[in-house]
Protein backbone atom coordinates (compact mmCIF):
# COMPACT_ATOMS: atom_id res chain seq x y z
CA VAL A 1 98.78 90.66 104.43
CA ALA A 2 99.58 87.61 106.75
CA THR A 3 96.80 88.75 108.78
CA THR A 4 94.31 89.55 106.30
CA VAL A 5 94.15 86.43 104.08
CA PRO A 6 93.19 83.52 105.94
CA LYS A 7 95.40 80.68 106.58
CA GLU A 8 93.30 78.20 104.56
CA LYS A 9 94.04 80.27 101.27
CA TRP A 10 97.93 80.23 101.96
CA LEU A 11 99.83 78.07 99.50
CA VAL A 12 102.72 75.84 100.26
CA VAL A 13 105.25 76.81 97.67
CA ASN A 14 108.76 76.15 97.00
CA VAL A 15 110.96 79.40 96.33
CA ASN A 16 114.01 78.86 93.98
CA VAL A 17 116.68 81.45 93.99
CA SER A 18 119.49 81.54 91.17
CA PRO A 19 121.84 84.49 90.59
CA SER A 20 119.47 85.84 88.26
CA THR A 21 115.95 84.73 89.07
CA ILE A 22 113.43 83.85 92.02
CA THR A 23 110.99 81.34 90.96
CA ILE A 24 107.91 80.45 93.11
CA CYS A 25 106.66 76.82 92.37
CA HIS A 26 103.77 74.64 93.91
CA ASP A 27 104.87 72.33 96.47
CA ASN A 28 103.37 69.29 94.65
CA GLU A 29 104.49 66.34 92.46
CA ASN A 30 104.25 68.58 89.60
CA ASN A 31 106.04 71.51 90.82
CA GLU A 32 104.07 73.95 88.73
CA GLN A 33 105.49 77.41 88.45
CA ILE A 34 103.41 80.13 90.08
CA PHE A 35 105.59 83.14 89.50
CA GLU A 36 109.11 84.06 88.22
CA CYS A 37 110.91 87.38 88.29
CA ARG A 38 114.47 88.55 87.53
CA ILE A 39 116.58 89.49 90.41
CA ARG A 40 117.15 92.86 88.72
CA TYR A 41 113.29 93.88 88.92
CA LEU A 42 113.39 93.19 92.95
CA SER A 43 112.53 96.40 94.42
CA PHE A 44 112.29 95.63 98.22
CA MET A 45 112.91 92.52 100.47
CA GLY A 46 112.54 92.43 104.22
CA ALA A 47 111.89 90.41 107.16
CA GLY A 48 108.99 90.87 109.50
CA MET A 49 108.75 91.32 113.08
CA ASP A 50 108.11 87.83 113.11
CA PRO A 51 111.16 85.88 112.14
CA LYS A 52 109.15 83.45 109.99
CA CYS A 53 107.81 86.29 107.83
CA PHE A 54 109.54 87.55 104.73
CA GLY A 55 108.26 89.75 101.87
CA ILE A 56 109.54 90.95 98.42
CA ILE A 57 108.35 93.78 96.30
CA ILE A 58 108.73 93.29 92.33
CA HIS A 59 108.49 96.15 89.90
CA CYS A 60 106.73 94.65 87.15
CA ALA A 61 106.90 95.31 83.13
CA ASP A 62 103.40 97.35 83.18
CA ASN A 63 104.74 99.55 85.74
CA THR A 64 102.91 98.22 88.75
CA PHE A 65 104.52 96.42 91.82
CA LYS A 66 103.44 92.86 93.01
CA CYS A 67 103.98 91.95 96.49
CA HIS A 68 104.70 88.27 97.58
CA VAL A 69 104.77 87.57 101.64
CA PHE A 70 106.13 84.19 102.74
CA GLN A 71 105.89 82.39 106.08
CA CYS A 72 109.25 79.94 106.32
CA GLU A 73 109.94 77.45 108.61
CA PRO A 74 111.89 77.43 111.02
CA SER A 75 112.77 81.04 109.97
CA CYS A 76 113.20 83.30 106.89
CA ALA A 77 116.88 83.86 107.79
CA GLN A 78 118.27 81.59 105.10
CA LEU A 79 115.71 82.69 102.52
CA CYS A 80 117.14 86.36 103.07
CA LYS A 81 120.55 85.48 103.15
CA THR A 82 120.04 83.49 99.63
CA ILE A 83 118.18 86.48 97.96
CA GLU A 84 120.81 89.03 99.56
CA ALA A 85 123.69 87.01 97.96
CA ALA A 86 122.05 87.05 94.63
CA CYS A 87 121.20 90.79 94.76
CA LYS A 88 125.04 91.22 95.24
CA LEU A 89 125.96 89.22 92.59
CA ARG A 90 123.68 91.09 90.31
CA TYR A 91 125.11 94.22 91.53
CA GLN A 92 128.56 92.94 90.64
CA LYS A 93 127.79 91.72 87.42
CA CYS A 94 126.42 95.22 86.64
CA ILE A 95 129.66 97.15 87.94
CA ASP A 96 131.77 94.66 85.95
CA ALA A 97 129.71 95.33 82.81
CA HIS A 98 129.78 99.16 83.10
CA PRO A 99 133.13 99.90 84.84
CA GLN A 100 133.04 103.73 83.60
CA ALA A 101 129.72 104.15 85.51
CA ALA A 102 131.23 102.39 88.39
CA LYS A 103 134.09 104.92 88.60
CA GLN A 104 131.75 107.86 88.43
CA ILE A 105 129.53 106.66 91.43
CA GLU A 106 132.55 105.85 93.21
CA GLN A 107 133.84 109.61 92.69
CA THR A 108 130.24 110.99 93.43
CA LYS A 109 130.32 109.29 96.82
CA VAL A 110 133.90 110.82 97.42
CA ASN A 111 132.48 114.19 96.80
CA TYR A 112 129.57 113.76 98.94
CA LEU A 113 131.93 112.56 101.99
CA THR A 114 134.20 115.46 101.36
CA LEU A 115 131.02 117.92 101.46
CA ILE A 116 129.76 116.23 104.83
CA SER A 117 133.24 116.51 106.40
CA ILE A 118 133.63 120.29 105.78
């Protein structure tokens, strides 16, 4: 995407990350919202070979996927860490809300590890 979309069409944005939501807004005095998604619908995130490039893929309600690519200055490291922390917090909330399911997942992991070591 970064090589196929001309730089003059790129938008300058602010990315706001909360424990439950990623919000992308125009970087202007109105700070108009462009896009918002819940952390739970984040399917993939990754940094590119260029340390300034970062992307996310969101699973949408209509069963499609949207990709957003960002060029961060000076690097995408802080954005990656912030979204990672939000994902971990979201995962922990799910585990806390469903302790029985978490116990079953842990037991499944133990069973697989036992099979691997036999």
